[in-house]
Protein backbone atom coordinates (compact mmCIF):
# COMPACT_ATOMS: atom_id res chain seq x y z
CA TYR A 1 -72.33 147.08 78.58
CA THR A 2 -72.42 144.19 79.05
CA VAL A 3 -71.27 141.80 76.29
CA THR A 4 -74.29 139.59 75.42
CA ASP A 5 -73.14 137.42 72.26
CA PRO A 6 -70.77 134.05 73.22
CA VAL A 7 -67.00 133.94 72.12
CA LEU A 8 -66.86 131.30 69.71
CA PRO A 9 -63.56 129.26 69.08
CA THR A 10 -62.06 129.79 65.58
CA ASP A 11 -60.60 128.00 63.54
CA VAL A 12 -57.77 130.95 61.79
CA ALA A 13 -55.63 128.77 59.78
CA ASN A 14 -59.06 126.77 57.94
CA ILE A 15 -60.48 130.43 57.87
CA ALA A 16 -57.66 132.10 55.66
CA ALA A 17 -56.94 128.75 53.99
CA ALA A 18 -60.87 129.40 52.88
CA ALA A 19 -59.80 133.07 52.30
CA ASN A 20 -56.36 131.87 50.40
CA LEU A 21 -54.35 133.87 53.27
CA SER A 22 -51.06 132.85 54.02
CA SER A 23 -49.53 132.53 57.28
CA HIS A 24 -46.36 134.88 58.16
CA ASP A 25 -43.74 131.86 57.47
CA SER A 26 -45.18 131.49 54.40
CA LEU A 27 -45.43 135.33 53.36
CA ASN A 28 -41.67 135.03 54.25
CA LYS A 29 -40.51 132.58 52.28
CA GLU A 30 -42.01 134.50 49.08
CA LEU A 31 -40.76 136.85 49.41
CA THR A 32 -37.36 135.66 50.50
CA GLN A 33 -38.20 133.89 47.11
CA ILE A 34 -38.56 137.12 45.59
CA GLU A 35 -35.29 138.23 46.46
CA ARG A 36 -33.35 135.76 45.69
CA VAL A 37 -34.97 136.01 41.93
CA LYS A 38 -33.60 139.82 41.89
CA GLU A 39 -30.56 138.84 43.16
CA ASN A 40 -30.20 137.00 40.59
CA ARG A 41 -31.08 138.75 37.58
CA SER A 42 -28.43 141.89 39.04
CA ASN A 43 -25.90 139.45 39.90
CA ILE A 44 -25.37 138.87 35.65
CA ASN A 45 -22.32 139.70 34.52
CA ARG A 46 -20.95 142.32 32.89
CA SER A 47 -18.16 143.96 30.96
CA PHE A 48 -17.84 147.62 33.03
CA LEU A 49 -14.92 150.26 32.26
CA ILE A 50 -13.56 151.43 35.72
CA PHE A 51 -12.21 154.74 35.61
CA ARG A 52 -11.64 158.04 38.54
CA SER A 53 -12.42 161.16 38.79
CA SER A 54 -10.53 162.31 41.50
CA GLU A 55 -7.43 160.21 43.44
CA GLU A 56 -10.42 158.96 45.86
CA GLU A 57 -13.62 158.18 44.05
CA HIS A 58 -13.42 155.15 41.38
CA PHE A 59 -16.64 155.44 38.43
CA ALA A 60 -17.41 152.53 35.80
CA VAL A 61 -19.58 153.12 33.11
CA ASN A 62 -20.99 149.75 30.94
CA LEU A 63 -18.71 149.13 28.64
CA ASP A 64 -20.76 148.15 25.51
CA GLU A 65 -21.47 151.84 26.21
CA VAL A 66 -18.34 153.48 25.30
CA GLU A 67 -18.17 154.10 21.50
CA ARG A 68 -14.23 155.41 21.85
CA ILE A 69 -11.47 156.19 24.10
CA GLU A 70 -9.89 159.53 22.57
CA ASP A 71 -6.99 161.12 24.72
CA VAL A 72 -7.16 165.01 24.74
CA LYS A 73 -4.67 167.60 26.32
CA GLN A 74 -5.96 169.94 28.53
CA ASP A 75 -5.02 172.99 26.46
CA ASP A 76 -7.31 171.40 24.10
CA ILE A 77 -9.91 171.96 25.31
CA GLU A 78 -12.16 174.66 24.63
CA PHE A 79 -14.70 176.74 27.14
CA LEU A 80 -17.57 178.38 24.54
CA GLY A 81 -20.69 179.86 26.30
CA ASN A 82 -21.38 177.45 29.12
CA ARG A 83 -20.00 174.70 27.13
CA ARG A 84 -16.79 173.33 27.31
CA VAL A 85 -15.78 170.99 23.76
CA MET A 86 -13.04 169.04 21.73
CA GLN A 87 -11.92 169.43 18.46
CA TYR A 88 -13.38 165.74 17.74
CA LYS A 89 -14.17 164.51 13.66
CA ASP A 90 -14.67 167.78 11.80
CA GLY A 91 -16.72 169.07 14.81
CA SER A 92 -17.04 169.52 18.15
CA LEU A 93 -16.91 167.46 20.87
CA PRO A 94 -18.96 168.48 24.24
CA LEU A 95 -17.81 167.26 27.18
CA VAL A 96 -18.53 166.87 30.94
CA CYS A 97 -17.09 165.67 33.72
CA VAL A 98 -18.69 163.15 36.18
CA GLU A 99 -19.34 166.48 38.33
CA ASP A 100 -20.94 168.47 36.27
CA LEU A 101 -23.45 166.34 36.97
CA ALA A 102 -23.48 164.19 40.46
CA SER A 103 -21.99 165.47 43.57
CA VAL A 104 -18.36 164.21 44.01
CA LYS A 105 -14.82 165.85 44.46
CA THR A 106 -13.14 167.52 41.05
CA LEU A 107 -12.23 165.60 38.71
CA ALA A 108 -7.92 165.89 38.75
CA GLU A 109 -5.61 168.21 37.41
CA SER A 110 -4.01 166.44 34.35
CA ALA A 111 -1.92 168.23 31.47
CA ASN A 112 -3.75 164.81 29.96
CA TYR A 113 -7.70 163.20 30.06
CA PRO A 114 -8.91 160.26 28.54
CA VAL A 115 -12.49 161.09 26.60
CA LEU A 116 -14.85 158.38 26.43
CA VAL A 117 -17.20 159.09 23.86
CA PHE A 118 -20.63 158.32 24.49
CA ASN A 119 -23.00 158.04 21.24
CA GLN A 120 -26.83 158.52 22.65
CA TYR A 121 -29.56 159.04 19.77
CA ASP A 122 -27.60 159.77 17.05
CA THR A 123 -25.02 162.21 19.23
CA PRO A 124 -21.56 162.41 20.37
CA PHE A 125 -20.49 163.41 24.43
CA GLY A 126 -17.59 162.46 25.35
CA LEU A 127 -16.94 162.52 30.11
CA LEU A 128 -13.65 164.42 30.91
CA VAL A 129 -11.74 161.07 33.36
CA LYS A 130 -8.53 160.18 35.21
CA GLY A 131 -6.87 156.92 34.40
CA PRO A 132 -6.24 154.32 34.75
CA ILE A 133 -8.55 153.17 32.77
CA ASP A 134 -8.48 149.60 32.39
CA THR A 135 -11.49 147.10 31.84
CA VAL A 136 -12.80 144.26 33.47
CA GLU A 137 -15.86 141.76 33.45
CA LEU A 138 -17.85 140.27 36.36
CA SER A 139 -20.84 138.91 37.64
CA THR A 140 -21.79 141.47 40.62
CA SER A 141 -25.23 143.12 42.12
CA ILE A 142 -25.84 146.57 41.89
CA ASP A 143 -26.74 148.78 45.32
CA HIS A 144 -29.49 151.04 43.41
CA GLN A 145 -30.13 152.93 46.74
CA THR A 146 -27.00 153.56 49.04
CA LEU A 147 -25.12 156.23 45.84
CA LYS A 148 -28.02 156.73 43.95
CA GLN A 149 -27.84 160.34 43.15
CA VAL A 150 -28.09 162.17 39.40
CA GLY A 151 -25.70 160.87 37.19
CA VAL A 152 -25.13 157.64 38.97
CA GLU A 153 -27.72 154.67 38.82
CA GLY A 154 -25.80 153.08 41.88
CA SER A 155 -22.65 151.29 43.54
CA THR A 156 -21.01 147.91 43.69
CA ILE A 157 -17.84 146.65 44.20
CA ILE A 158 -15.21 145.91 42.26
CA ASN A 159 -11.10 145.20 42.99
CA GLU A 160 -11.99 145.93 45.93
CA LYS A 161 -12.93 149.29 45.80
CA THR A 162 -16.49 150.86 46.50
CA THR A 163 -17.48 151.94 42.51
CA MET A 164 -19.68 154.65 41.43
CA ILE A 165 -21.73 153.22 38.53
CA VAL A 166 -22.78 155.82 36.18
CA ASN A 167 -25.34 156.54 34.21
CA VAL A 168 -24.90 157.81 30.47
CA ARG A 169 -28.43 158.53 29.41
CA GLU A 170 -28.97 161.00 32.19
CA PHE A 171 -25.73 162.81 31.88
CA PHE A 172 -26.96 163.11 28.67
CA GLU A 173 -30.10 163.93 29.12
CA ASN A 174 -29.05 166.54 31.78
CA CYS A 175 -25.89 168.53 30.73
CA ILE A 176 -25.91 167.58 26.55
CA GLN A 177 -29.51 167.41 24.62
């Protein structure tokens, strides 16, 4: 097999420009700019309510999702069918724990529990947690990969602790609805 056509020199840069192709360096610059925009979007001021479920694991929810905080004695939590409930405003409030949906440690035993009350689609439900409960406003980015799972949208660092961000909507859709 013999090649009879001569090899022609080509001006790759001009051909790329004519075809609207970018160089590797300019693509890297564009990708870096896109990453900065994404980072800036997720680095917005957020207000979190922070809590624990076990002694070792830290959690947070967006403060604007919390309708109220109640306190319930362990003896006032009822188990009916396969549901955990408490009496609340002339009715029953379904209760969930973080471990009901996410792969995390079990709620620590306590005589009293704070209950974070949420209202999704006009349906209230409560999340049993372990205190202390605190609020914090900070500019942070959320890591949507490392600890993401059903019920946990991601994680961030709050008060020097890796903190899992609870996805309230997923708890409602998987445990309540």
